[in-house]
Amino acid sequence: MKLELIMNNQPIIDNIIIWKGFGYPHKPNNPWDSKCRLRIWQQNPVIVLFSDLDIPDTGTSITNCCENISSIVQFHFRLQNPIRWFEHYPRHHRSLQQQQESLETVDEIFYDYDEKEQRYKKPRWKAYDRKSFEKLVNCSILIDDVDSLTTISLANPWQKHQEDFKQGLEDRRNRKPLRNNPTKAYQEGYFTAMQEQHEFN
């Protein structure tokens, strides 16, 4: 009971996230949908934890795609530096429960940041441990409640631009009014469709 009372600093973000990883064409997640659990604690610095779901067919691993996920998460949630990034492999398969403690890993990830491309590069890992991490965030990171979490899809800046442009095209083609506070990409799509309609008239 004492541990439950102490470990009460819940993350401000706790979701299953889907992003475009590298993927495998023959897997059900084609084309390249990948997923993991994302938790963010609003501290100084901000703490971000990616947890492997430890189930089949989750797409690209959080290790192999960490710089992409970190870049997308910072863009999507507008996170401000300083940020500390961590990855977590819980290893909760029933067949491995007796070995769970020895197989669970937490690592801190360090990056170089490319200001021009607005993305993280050159990841380096440093071993952490679960107890130290839980002390850092004052919260348990057991991963036994994932079925209740909301799933959200995240896009990188290029994908977001393409999606907004396409939405602008569709809105104008369907004669919908220009949205309030539209993004630049949405406006480009909207006015591209206006030009198309003008040319056909």
N, C-alpha and C. Protein backbone atom coordinates (compact mmCIF):
# COMPACT_ATOMS: atom_id res chain seq x y z
N MET A 1 0.82 -1.20 0.00
CA MET A 1 0.00 0.00 0.00
C MET A 1 0.86 1.26 0.00
N LYS A 2 1.94 1.23 0.73
CA LYS A 2 2.83 2.39 0.80
C LYS A 2 3.37 2.72 -0.57
N LEU A 3 3.76 1.69 -1.35
CA LEU A 3 4.28 1.91 -2.70
C LEU A 3 3.23 2.56 -3.59
N GLU A 4 1.97 2.13 -3.48
CA GLU A 4 0.90 2.71 -4.29
C GLU A 4 0.69 4.18 -3.96
N LEU A 5 0.83 4.53 -2.71
CA LEU A 5 0.64 5.92 -2.31
C LEU A 5 1.76 6.80 -2.81
N ILE A 6 2.97 6.24 -2.87
CA ILE A 6 4.12 7.02 -3.31
C ILE A 6 4.12 7.17 -4.83
N MET A 7 3.87 6.06 -5.54
CA MET A 7 3.95 6.06 -6.99
C MET A 7 2.65 6.58 -7.59
N ASN A 8 2.38 7.87 -7.46
CA ASN A 8 1.09 8.41 -7.90
C ASN A 8 1.21 9.55 -8.91
N ASN A 9 2.37 9.72 -9.50
CA ASN A 9 2.57 10.80 -10.47
C ASN A 9 2.25 10.29 -11.87
N GLN A 10 0.97 10.29 -12.23
CA GLN A 10 0.55 9.72 -13.51
C GLN A 10 1.01 10.58 -14.69
N PRO A 11 1.33 9.95 -15.80
CA PRO A 11 1.76 10.72 -16.98
C PRO A 11 0.63 11.58 -17.53
N ILE A 12 0.98 12.70 -18.17
CA ILE A 12 -0.04 13.55 -18.79
C ILE A 12 -0.52 12.96 -20.12
N ILE A 13 0.32 12.14 -20.74
CA ILE A 13 -0.04 11.42 -21.96
C ILE A 13 0.20 9.94 -21.70
N ASP A 14 -0.80 9.11 -21.98
CA ASP A 14 -0.65 7.66 -21.87
C ASP A 14 -1.55 7.02 -22.92
N ASN A 15 -0.95 6.71 -24.07
CA ASN A 15 -1.70 6.19 -25.22
C ASN A 15 -0.93 5.10 -25.92
N ILE A 16 -1.64 4.32 -26.71
CA ILE A 16 -1.01 3.48 -27.72
C ILE A 16 -0.89 4.35 -28.96
N ILE A 17 0.31 4.47 -29.51
CA ILE A 17 0.49 5.28 -30.70
C ILE A 17 0.82 4.40 -31.90
N ILE A 18 0.34 4.83 -33.06
CA ILE A 18 0.62 4.16 -34.33
C ILE A 18 1.37 5.15 -35.21
N TRP A 19 2.46 4.70 -35.80
CA TRP A 19 3.23 5.53 -36.71
C TRP A 19 3.71 4.66 -37.86
N LYS A 20 4.23 5.28 -38.89
CA LYS A 20 4.73 4.55 -40.05
C LYS A 20 6.17 4.14 -39.80
N GLY A 21 6.38 2.84 -39.59
CA GLY A 21 7.72 2.32 -39.41
C GLY A 21 8.26 1.77 -40.71
N PHE A 22 9.19 0.85 -40.62
CA PHE A 22 9.79 0.28 -41.82
C PHE A 22 8.99 -0.92 -42.30
N GLY A 23 8.54 -1.76 -41.37
CA GLY A 23 7.56 -2.79 -41.67
C GLY A 23 8.02 -3.96 -42.50
N TYR A 24 7.12 -4.91 -42.68
CA TYR A 24 7.35 -6.11 -43.47
C TYR A 24 6.13 -6.34 -44.35
N PRO A 25 6.29 -6.41 -45.67
CA PRO A 25 5.15 -6.50 -46.59
C PRO A 25 4.23 -7.69 -46.32
N HIS A 26 4.75 -8.80 -45.79
CA HIS A 26 3.93 -10.00 -45.60
C HIS A 26 3.20 -10.02 -44.26
N LYS A 27 3.40 -9.00 -43.42
CA LYS A 27 2.74 -8.96 -42.12
C LYS A 27 1.41 -8.21 -42.21
N PRO A 28 0.47 -8.50 -41.29
CA PRO A 28 -0.83 -7.82 -41.31
C PRO A 28 -0.73 -6.31 -41.18
N ASN A 29 0.33 -5.81 -40.57
CA ASN A 29 0.44 -4.36 -40.38
C ASN A 29 0.96 -3.62 -41.62
N ASN A 30 1.10 -4.32 -42.74
CA ASN A 30 1.49 -3.66 -43.99
C ASN A 30 0.44 -2.61 -44.35
N PRO A 31 0.74 -1.38 -44.80
CA PRO A 31 2.11 -0.95 -45.04
C PRO A 31 2.74 -0.22 -43.84
N TRP A 32 3.54 -0.89 -43.13
CA TRP A 32 4.45 -0.32 -42.15
C TRP A 32 3.82 0.32 -40.91
N ASP A 33 2.56 0.04 -40.61
CA ASP A 33 2.00 0.55 -39.37
C ASP A 33 2.73 -0.10 -38.19
N SER A 34 3.20 0.71 -37.27
CA SER A 34 3.91 0.22 -36.09
C SER A 34 3.27 0.85 -34.86
N LYS A 35 3.38 0.18 -33.72
CA LYS A 35 2.73 0.71 -32.54
C LYS A 35 3.51 0.38 -31.27
N CYS A 36 3.32 1.24 -30.27
CA CYS A 36 3.91 1.04 -28.96
C CYS A 36 3.09 1.86 -27.96
N ARG A 37 3.46 1.76 -26.71
CA ARG A 37 2.83 2.60 -25.69
C ARG A 37 3.68 3.83 -25.46
N LEU A 38 3.05 4.99 -25.43
CA LEU A 38 3.74 6.26 -25.19
C LEU A 38 3.25 6.84 -23.88
N ARG A 39 4.21 7.20 -23.01
CA ARG A 39 3.88 7.93 -21.78
C ARG A 39 4.78 9.15 -21.67
N ILE A 40 4.18 10.28 -21.30
CA ILE A 40 4.92 11.54 -21.15
C ILE A 40 4.61 12.13 -19.78
N TRP A 41 5.66 12.48 -19.06
CA TRP A 41 5.52 13.16 -17.77
C TRP A 41 6.00 14.60 -17.93
N GLN A 42 5.14 15.54 -17.54
CA GLN A 42 5.47 16.96 -17.64
C GLN A 42 6.32 17.35 -16.44
N GLN A 43 7.61 17.16 -16.59
CA GLN A 43 8.58 17.49 -15.55
C GLN A 43 9.62 18.42 -16.16
N ASN A 44 10.61 18.73 -15.42
CA ASN A 44 11.73 19.51 -15.97
C ASN A 44 13.02 18.75 -15.69
N PRO A 45 13.55 18.06 -16.74
CA PRO A 45 13.06 18.03 -18.12
C PRO A 45 11.84 17.13 -18.30
N VAL A 46 11.18 17.29 -19.44
CA VAL A 46 10.07 16.41 -19.83
C VAL A 46 10.62 14.99 -19.96
N ILE A 47 9.86 14.01 -19.49
CA ILE A 47 10.26 12.61 -19.59
C ILE A 47 9.33 11.89 -20.56
N VAL A 48 9.91 11.23 -21.57
CA VAL A 48 9.14 10.48 -22.55
C VAL A 48 9.58 9.02 -22.52
N LEU A 49 8.60 8.12 -22.44
CA LEU A 49 8.89 6.68 -22.40
C LEU A 49 8.12 5.95 -23.48
N PHE A 50 8.86 5.22 -24.34
CA PHE A 50 8.26 4.32 -25.32
C PHE A 50 8.34 2.90 -24.77
N SER A 51 7.20 2.23 -24.65
CA SER A 51 7.19 0.84 -24.16
C SER A 51 6.74 -0.11 -25.25
N ASP A 52 7.55 -1.13 -25.48
CA ASP A 52 7.16 -2.19 -26.40
C ASP A 52 5.93 -2.89 -25.83
N LEU A 53 4.98 -3.27 -26.70
CA LEU A 53 3.74 -3.89 -26.24
C LEU A 53 3.90 -5.38 -25.97
N ASP A 54 5.02 -5.94 -26.41
CA ASP A 54 5.33 -7.35 -26.13
C ASP A 54 4.26 -8.30 -26.63
N ILE A 55 3.72 -7.99 -27.81
CA ILE A 55 2.75 -8.84 -28.48
C ILE A 55 3.18 -8.98 -29.93
N PRO A 56 2.68 -9.98 -30.65
CA PRO A 56 3.07 -10.16 -32.06
C PRO A 56 2.59 -9.01 -32.94
N ASP A 57 3.33 -8.79 -34.01
CA ASP A 57 2.93 -7.87 -35.07
C ASP A 57 2.71 -6.43 -34.60
N THR A 58 3.73 -5.84 -34.02
CA THR A 58 3.66 -4.42 -33.66
C THR A 58 4.47 -3.57 -34.63
N GLY A 59 4.88 -4.16 -35.76
CA GLY A 59 5.62 -3.38 -36.76
C GLY A 59 7.08 -3.20 -36.40
N THR A 60 7.65 -2.07 -36.80
CA THR A 60 9.05 -1.79 -36.53
C THR A 60 9.27 -1.62 -35.04
N SER A 61 10.37 -2.16 -34.53
CA SER A 61 10.64 -2.06 -33.09
C SER A 61 10.93 -0.62 -32.69
N ILE A 62 10.70 -0.31 -31.43
CA ILE A 62 10.96 1.04 -30.93
C ILE A 62 12.45 1.36 -31.00
N THR A 63 13.29 0.35 -30.94
CA THR A 63 14.74 0.58 -31.05
C THR A 63 15.12 0.95 -32.47
N ASN A 64 14.64 0.18 -33.45
CA ASN A 64 15.01 0.42 -34.84
C ASN A 64 14.41 1.69 -35.41
N CYS A 65 13.37 2.23 -34.76
CA CYS A 65 12.69 3.40 -35.29
C CYS A 65 12.68 4.56 -34.29
N CYS A 66 13.59 4.52 -33.30
CA CYS A 66 13.49 5.48 -32.19
C CYS A 66 13.62 6.93 -32.63
N GLU A 67 14.54 7.22 -33.58
CA GLU A 67 14.70 8.62 -33.99
C GLU A 67 13.47 9.13 -34.72
N ASN A 68 12.81 8.25 -35.49
CA ASN A 68 11.57 8.64 -36.15
C ASN A 68 10.45 8.89 -35.15
N ILE A 69 10.30 7.96 -34.19
CA ILE A 69 9.23 8.12 -33.21
C ILE A 69 9.44 9.40 -32.40
N SER A 70 10.67 9.62 -31.95
CA SER A 70 10.95 10.81 -31.13
C SER A 70 10.65 12.09 -31.90
N SER A 71 11.05 12.13 -33.17
CA SER A 71 10.80 13.31 -34.00
C SER A 71 9.30 13.55 -34.17
N ILE A 72 8.56 12.47 -34.41
CA ILE A 72 7.12 12.58 -34.60
C ILE A 72 6.42 13.01 -33.31
N VAL A 73 6.82 12.42 -32.18
CA VAL A 73 6.20 12.74 -30.89
C VAL A 73 6.45 14.19 -30.51
N GLN A 74 7.68 14.66 -30.70
CA GLN A 74 7.96 16.06 -30.38
C GLN A 74 7.12 16.99 -31.25
N PHE A 75 7.01 16.67 -32.54
CA PHE A 75 6.22 17.48 -33.46
C PHE A 75 4.73 17.46 -33.09
N HIS A 76 4.20 16.26 -32.83
CA HIS A 76 2.76 16.11 -32.59
C HIS A 76 2.33 16.78 -31.29
N PHE A 77 3.11 16.59 -30.22
CA PHE A 77 2.71 17.11 -28.92
C PHE A 77 3.35 18.46 -28.59
N ARG A 78 4.11 19.02 -29.55
CA ARG A 78 4.75 20.33 -29.37
C ARG A 78 5.59 20.37 -28.09
N LEU A 79 6.37 19.33 -27.89
CA LEU A 79 7.20 19.25 -26.68
C LEU A 79 8.36 20.24 -26.76
N GLN A 80 8.65 20.87 -25.65
CA GLN A 80 9.73 21.83 -25.58
C GLN A 80 10.92 21.23 -24.83
N ASN A 81 12.11 21.53 -25.31
CA ASN A 81 13.31 21.08 -24.62
C ASN A 81 13.42 21.76 -23.26
N PRO A 82 14.09 21.13 -22.29
CA PRO A 82 14.80 19.85 -22.39
C PRO A 82 13.86 18.65 -22.29
N ILE A 83 14.25 17.58 -23.00
CA ILE A 83 13.48 16.33 -23.01
C ILE A 83 14.46 15.18 -22.77
N ARG A 84 14.04 14.23 -21.96
CA ARG A 84 14.79 12.98 -21.81
C ARG A 84 13.96 11.85 -22.40
N TRP A 85 14.60 11.05 -23.26
CA TRP A 85 13.91 9.99 -24.00
C TRP A 85 14.33 8.63 -23.45
N PHE A 86 13.35 7.73 -23.30
CA PHE A 86 13.61 6.39 -22.78
C PHE A 86 12.82 5.36 -23.58
N GLU A 87 13.39 4.14 -23.67
CA GLU A 87 12.64 3.02 -24.25
C GLU A 87 12.60 1.89 -23.24
N HIS A 88 11.51 1.10 -23.31
CA HIS A 88 11.21 0.11 -22.28
C HIS A 88 10.71 -1.16 -22.93
N TYR A 89 11.34 -2.28 -22.60
CA TYR A 89 10.89 -3.60 -23.03
C TYR A 89 10.44 -4.38 -21.79
N PRO A 90 9.13 -4.52 -21.58
CA PRO A 90 8.63 -5.15 -20.34
C PRO A 90 8.77 -6.66 -20.28
N ARG A 91 8.71 -7.34 -21.42
CA ARG A 91 8.82 -8.80 -21.46
C ARG A 91 7.82 -9.47 -20.53
N HIS A 92 6.53 -9.28 -20.83
CA HIS A 92 5.48 -9.83 -19.97
C HIS A 92 4.81 -11.07 -20.55
N HIS A 93 5.44 -11.75 -21.49
CA HIS A 93 4.84 -12.99 -22.00
C HIS A 93 4.64 -13.97 -20.85
N ARG A 94 3.50 -14.63 -20.83
CA ARG A 94 3.21 -15.55 -19.72
C ARG A 94 4.29 -16.62 -19.60
N SER A 95 4.78 -17.12 -20.72
CA SER A 95 5.77 -18.17 -20.68
C SER A 95 7.10 -17.71 -20.10
N LEU A 96 7.26 -16.39 -20.00
CA LEU A 96 8.52 -15.84 -19.49
C LEU A 96 8.36 -15.15 -18.14
N GLN A 97 7.22 -15.33 -17.48
CA GLN A 97 6.97 -14.58 -16.26
C GLN A 97 8.03 -14.83 -15.19
N GLN A 98 8.51 -16.05 -15.09
CA GLN A 98 9.50 -16.34 -14.07
C GLN A 98 10.83 -15.62 -14.35
N GLN A 99 11.07 -15.29 -15.62
CA GLN A 99 12.31 -14.61 -15.98
C GLN A 99 12.10 -13.12 -16.23
N GLN A 100 10.91 -12.64 -15.91
CA GLN A 100 10.53 -11.28 -16.25
C GLN A 100 11.52 -10.23 -15.76
N GLU A 101 11.96 -10.34 -14.51
CA GLU A 101 12.85 -9.33 -13.96
C GLU A 101 14.17 -9.25 -14.71
N SER A 102 14.70 -10.40 -15.11
CA SER A 102 16.00 -10.39 -15.77
C SER A 102 15.91 -9.94 -17.22
N LEU A 103 14.69 -10.04 -17.84
CA LEU A 103 14.55 -9.70 -19.24
C LEU A 103 14.05 -8.27 -19.46
N GLU A 104 13.43 -7.68 -18.46
CA GLU A 104 12.93 -6.32 -18.62
C GLU A 104 14.09 -5.34 -18.74
N THR A 105 13.97 -4.40 -19.69
CA THR A 105 15.03 -3.40 -19.87
C THR A 105 14.45 -2.00 -20.01
N VAL A 106 15.19 -1.04 -19.51
CA VAL A 106 14.91 0.38 -19.72
C VAL A 106 16.23 1.02 -20.14
N ASP A 107 16.19 1.80 -21.21
CA ASP A 107 17.39 2.50 -21.68
C ASP A 107 17.07 3.96 -21.93
N GLU A 108 17.99 4.83 -21.62
CA GLU A 108 17.86 6.23 -22.00
C GLU A 108 18.48 6.40 -23.38
N ILE A 109 17.84 7.22 -24.22
CA ILE A 109 18.32 7.44 -25.58
C ILE A 109 18.80 8.89 -25.71
N PHE A 110 19.99 9.05 -26.25
CA PHE A 110 20.56 10.37 -26.51
C PHE A 110 20.67 10.57 -28.02
N TYR A 111 20.38 11.79 -28.46
CA TYR A 111 20.37 12.08 -29.90
C TYR A 111 21.19 13.33 -30.21
N ASP A 112 21.50 13.47 -31.50
CA ASP A 112 21.84 14.77 -32.08
C ASP A 112 20.54 15.29 -32.70
N TYR A 113 20.34 16.61 -32.66
CA TYR A 113 19.12 17.17 -33.25
C TYR A 113 19.48 18.02 -34.45
N ASP A 114 18.86 17.72 -35.59
CA ASP A 114 19.09 18.45 -36.83
C ASP A 114 18.05 19.57 -36.92
N GLU A 115 18.47 20.80 -36.66
CA GLU A 115 17.55 21.94 -36.66
C GLU A 115 16.92 22.15 -38.04
N LYS A 116 17.72 21.98 -39.09
CA LYS A 116 17.22 22.22 -40.45
C LYS A 116 16.11 21.23 -40.81
N GLU A 117 16.34 19.96 -40.52
CA GLU A 117 15.36 18.93 -40.86
C GLU A 117 14.33 18.73 -39.75
N GLN A 118 14.57 19.34 -38.59
CA GLN A 118 13.69 19.22 -37.43
C GLN A 118 13.43 17.76 -37.07
N ARG A 119 14.53 17.03 -36.88
CA ARG A 119 14.42 15.63 -36.51
C ARG A 119 15.64 15.19 -35.72
N TYR A 120 15.44 14.11 -34.98
CA TYR A 120 16.52 13.53 -34.18
C TYR A 120 17.33 12.56 -35.02
N LYS A 121 18.64 12.50 -34.75
CA LYS A 121 19.53 11.62 -35.49
C LYS A 121 20.58 11.03 -34.54
N LYS A 122 21.26 10.01 -35.02
CA LYS A 122 22.39 9.38 -34.32
C LYS A 122 22.06 8.99 -32.88
N PRO A 123 21.11 8.07 -32.70
CA PRO A 123 20.75 7.66 -31.33
C PRO A 123 21.86 6.88 -30.65
N ARG A 124 22.02 7.12 -29.35
CA ARG A 124 22.91 6.35 -28.51
C ARG A 124 22.12 5.91 -27.28
N TRP A 125 22.38 4.70 -26.79
CA TRP A 125 21.62 4.14 -25.68
C TRP A 125 22.51 3.98 -24.44
N LYS A 126 21.91 4.24 -23.30
CA LYS A 126 22.58 4.00 -22.02
C LYS A 126 21.63 3.23 -21.12
N ALA A 127 22.10 2.10 -20.61
CA ALA A 127 21.24 1.25 -19.79
C ALA A 127 20.78 1.97 -18.53
N TYR A 128 19.49 1.80 -18.25
CA TYR A 128 18.87 2.32 -17.04
C TYR A 128 18.27 1.09 -16.35
N ASP A 129 17.53 1.25 -15.31
CA ASP A 129 16.79 0.12 -14.76
C ASP A 129 15.43 0.61 -14.31
N ARG A 130 14.49 -0.33 -14.21
CA ARG A 130 13.11 0.06 -13.96
C ARG A 130 12.94 0.81 -12.65
N LYS A 131 13.57 0.34 -11.59
CA LYS A 131 13.40 0.98 -10.29
C LYS A 131 13.91 2.42 -10.31
N SER A 132 15.03 2.64 -10.97
CA SER A 132 15.58 4.00 -11.06
C SER A 132 14.66 4.90 -11.88
N PHE A 133 14.09 4.33 -12.96
CA PHE A 133 13.18 5.12 -13.78
C PHE A 133 11.92 5.47 -12.99
N GLU A 134 11.36 4.49 -12.30
CA GLU A 134 10.15 4.74 -11.52
C GLU A 134 10.39 5.78 -10.42
N LYS A 135 11.58 5.79 -9.89
CA LYS A 135 11.93 6.82 -8.90
C LYS A 135 12.01 8.19 -9.58
N LEU A 136 12.54 8.22 -10.80
CA LEU A 136 12.67 9.46 -11.56
C LEU A 136 11.31 10.11 -11.82
N VAL A 137 10.32 9.29 -12.20
CA VAL A 137 9.00 9.83 -12.56
C VAL A 137 7.99 9.70 -11.42
N ASN A 138 8.37 9.01 -10.36
CA ASN A 138 7.47 8.79 -9.23
C ASN A 138 6.18 8.09 -9.67
N CYS A 139 6.37 7.03 -10.48
CA CYS A 139 5.22 6.33 -11.04
C CYS A 139 5.63 4.93 -11.45
N SER A 140 4.74 3.96 -11.27
CA SER A 140 5.00 2.60 -11.74
C SER A 140 4.87 2.57 -13.27
N ILE A 141 5.69 1.73 -13.91
CA ILE A 141 5.59 1.61 -15.38
C ILE A 141 5.19 0.20 -15.79
N LEU A 142 4.54 -0.53 -14.89
CA LEU A 142 4.00 -1.83 -15.27
C LEU A 142 3.05 -1.64 -16.45
N ILE A 143 3.03 -2.60 -17.34
CA ILE A 143 2.30 -2.42 -18.61
C ILE A 143 1.12 -3.39 -18.71
N ASP A 144 0.39 -3.60 -17.61
CA ASP A 144 -0.67 -4.59 -17.58
C ASP A 144 -2.05 -4.03 -17.86
N ASP A 145 -2.17 -2.76 -18.23
CA ASP A 145 -3.49 -2.15 -18.45
C ASP A 145 -3.63 -1.56 -19.85
N VAL A 146 -2.90 -2.10 -20.82
CA VAL A 146 -2.88 -1.48 -22.15
C VAL A 146 -4.21 -1.58 -22.89
N ASP A 147 -5.04 -2.58 -22.57
CA ASP A 147 -6.31 -2.74 -23.28
C ASP A 147 -7.26 -1.58 -23.06
N SER A 148 -7.07 -0.83 -22.00
CA SER A 148 -7.96 0.30 -21.69
C SER A 148 -7.47 1.62 -22.31
N LEU A 149 -6.32 1.60 -22.96
CA LEU A 149 -5.74 2.84 -23.48
C LEU A 149 -6.32 3.22 -24.84
N THR A 150 -6.39 4.52 -25.09
CA THR A 150 -6.82 5.04 -26.38
C THR A 150 -5.68 4.93 -27.39
N THR A 151 -6.00 4.53 -28.61
CA THR A 151 -5.00 4.44 -29.68
C THR A 151 -5.11 5.67 -30.57
N ILE A 152 -3.96 6.30 -30.85
CA ILE A 152 -3.93 7.46 -31.73
C ILE A 152 -2.86 7.27 -32.79
N SER A 153 -3.10 7.83 -33.96
CA SER A 153 -2.12 7.76 -35.05
C SER A 153 -1.35 9.08 -35.12
N LEU A 154 -0.05 8.98 -35.26
CA LEU A 154 0.81 10.16 -35.34
C LEU A 154 1.44 10.24 -36.72
N ALA A 155 1.61 11.46 -37.20
CA ALA A 155 2.22 11.68 -38.51
C ALA A 155 3.42 12.60 -38.36
N ASN A 156 4.43 12.39 -39.19
CA ASN A 156 5.57 13.31 -39.18
C ASN A 156 5.18 14.57 -39.95
N PRO A 157 6.00 15.62 -39.92
CA PRO A 157 5.63 16.88 -40.57
C PRO A 157 5.28 16.73 -42.05
N TRP A 158 6.02 15.89 -42.78
CA TRP A 158 5.73 15.70 -44.20
C TRP A 158 4.37 15.03 -44.38
N GLN A 159 4.11 13.99 -43.59
CA GLN A 159 2.83 13.30 -43.69
C GLN A 159 1.68 14.22 -43.31
N LYS A 160 1.87 15.03 -42.27
CA LYS A 160 0.84 15.96 -41.84
C LYS A 160 0.54 16.98 -42.94
N HIS A 161 1.59 17.46 -43.61
CA HIS A 161 1.41 18.40 -44.72
C HIS A 161 0.57 17.76 -45.82
N GLN A 162 0.89 16.51 -46.16
CA GLN A 162 0.16 15.81 -47.21
C GLN A 162 -1.30 15.60 -46.82
N GLU A 163 -1.54 15.23 -45.57
CA GLU A 163 -2.91 15.00 -45.10
C GLU A 163 -3.73 16.29 -45.13
N ASP A 164 -3.13 17.39 -44.67
CA ASP A 164 -3.84 18.67 -44.65
C ASP A 164 -4.12 19.16 -46.07
N PHE A 165 -3.15 18.99 -46.97
CA PHE A 165 -3.33 19.38 -48.37
C PHE A 165 -4.50 18.60 -48.98
N LYS A 166 -4.51 17.29 -48.75
CA LYS A 166 -5.57 16.44 -49.29
C LYS A 166 -6.93 16.85 -48.73
N GLN A 167 -6.98 17.19 -47.44
CA GLN A 167 -8.24 17.60 -46.82
C GLN A 167 -8.74 18.91 -47.42
N GLY A 168 -7.82 19.84 -47.70
CA GLY A 168 -8.19 21.09 -48.35
C GLY A 168 -8.77 20.85 -49.74
N LEU A 169 -8.13 19.96 -50.49
CA LEU A 169 -8.65 19.60 -51.81
C LEU A 169 -10.08 19.06 -51.71
N GLU A 170 -10.26 18.10 -50.81
CA GLU A 170 -11.57 17.45 -50.69
C GLU A 170 -12.65 18.43 -50.23
N ASP A 171 -12.32 19.31 -49.29
CA ASP A 171 -13.32 20.26 -48.81
C ASP A 171 -13.79 21.17 -49.93
N ARG A 172 -12.85 21.69 -50.73
CA ARG A 172 -13.24 22.59 -51.81
C ARG A 172 -14.01 21.84 -52.90
N ARG A 173 -13.55 20.63 -53.23
CA ARG A 173 -14.24 19.86 -54.25
C ARG A 173 -15.66 19.50 -53.83
N ASN A 174 -15.88 19.40 -52.52
CA ASN A 174 -17.21 19.11 -51.98
C ASN A 174 -17.98 20.39 -51.63
N ARG A 175 -17.45 21.54 -52.07
CA ARG A 175 -18.09 22.84 -51.87
C ARG A 175 -18.25 23.24 -50.40
N LYS A 176 -17.35 22.77 -49.56
CA LYS A 176 -17.38 23.15 -48.16
C LYS A 176 -16.64 24.47 -47.97
N PRO A 177 -17.04 25.27 -46.98
CA PRO A 177 -16.34 26.54 -46.75
C PRO A 177 -14.94 26.30 -46.20
N LEU A 178 -14.08 27.28 -46.39
CA LEU A 178 -12.73 27.22 -45.85
C LEU A 178 -12.79 27.13 -44.33
N ARG A 179 -12.03 26.23 -43.77
CA ARG A 179 -12.07 26.02 -42.32
C ARG A 179 -11.47 27.21 -41.57
N ASN A 180 -11.86 27.32 -40.31
CA ASN A 180 -11.25 28.34 -39.45
C ASN A 180 -9.83 27.94 -39.09
N ASN A 181 -8.94 28.93 -39.07
CA ASN A 181 -7.54 28.70 -38.71
C ASN A 181 -6.91 27.54 -39.48
N PRO A 182 -7.02 27.55 -40.80
CA PRO A 182 -6.47 26.44 -41.59
C PRO A 182 -4.94 26.48 -41.62
N THR A 183 -4.34 25.30 -41.74
CA THR A 183 -2.88 25.26 -41.89
C THR A 183 -2.53 25.73 -43.30
N LYS A 184 -1.26 26.03 -43.49
CA LYS A 184 -0.80 26.47 -44.80
C LYS A 184 -1.04 25.38 -45.85
N ALA A 185 -0.77 24.12 -45.47
CA ALA A 185 -0.96 23.02 -46.42
C ALA A 185 -2.43 22.87 -46.80
N TYR A 186 -3.33 23.03 -45.81
CA TYR A 186 -4.77 22.94 -46.09
C TYR A 186 -5.18 24.04 -47.08
N GLN A 187 -4.69 25.26 -46.85
CA GLN A 187 -5.02 26.36 -47.76
C GLN A 187 -4.49 26.09 -49.17
N GLU A 188 -3.29 25.52 -49.25
CA GLU A 188 -2.73 25.20 -50.57
C GLU A 188 -3.63 24.22 -51.30
N GLY A 189 -4.10 23.19 -50.58
CA GLY A 189 -5.00 22.21 -51.20
C GLY A 189 -6.32 22.83 -51.60
N TYR A 190 -6.85 23.68 -50.74
CA TYR A 190 -8.14 24.32 -50.99
C TYR A 190 -8.08 25.20 -52.23
N PHE A 191 -7.03 26.01 -52.32
CA PHE A 191 -6.93 26.93 -53.45
C PHE A 191 -6.48 26.23 -54.74
N THR A 192 -5.81 25.09 -54.60
CA THR A 192 -5.50 24.27 -55.77
C THR A 192 -6.80 23.74 -56.38
N ALA A 193 -7.71 23.28 -55.52
CA ALA A 193 -9.00 22.79 -56.01
C ALA A 193 -9.82 23.92 -56.61
N MET A 194 -9.73 25.12 -56.05
CA MET A 194 -10.44 26.28 -56.63
C MET A 194 -9.93 26.55 -58.04
N GLN A 195 -8.62 26.46 -58.22
CA GLN A 195 -8.03 26.69 -59.53
C GLN A 195 -8.49 25.63 -60.52
N GLU A 196 -8.56 24.38 -60.07
CA GLU A 196 -9.04 23.30 -60.93
C GLU A 196 -10.47 23.58 -61.38
N GLN A 197 -11.32 23.99 -60.46
CA GLN A 197 -12.71 24.25 -60.78
C GLN A 197 -12.86 25.45 -61.71
N HIS A 198 -11.98 26.44 -61.53
CA HIS A 198 -12.00 27.63 -62.39
C HIS A 198 -11.64 27.24 -63.82
N GLU A 199 -10.66 26.34 -63.95
CA GLU A 199 -10.21 25.93 -65.28
C GLU A 199 -11.27 25.13 -66.01
N PHE A 200 -12.08 24.39 -65.27
CA PHE A 200 -13.13 23.57 -65.90
C PHE A 200 -14.37 24.37 -66.23
N ASN A 201 -14.53 25.55 -65.64
CA ASN A 201 -15.72 26.37 -65.88
C ASN A 201 -15.58 27.18 -67.16
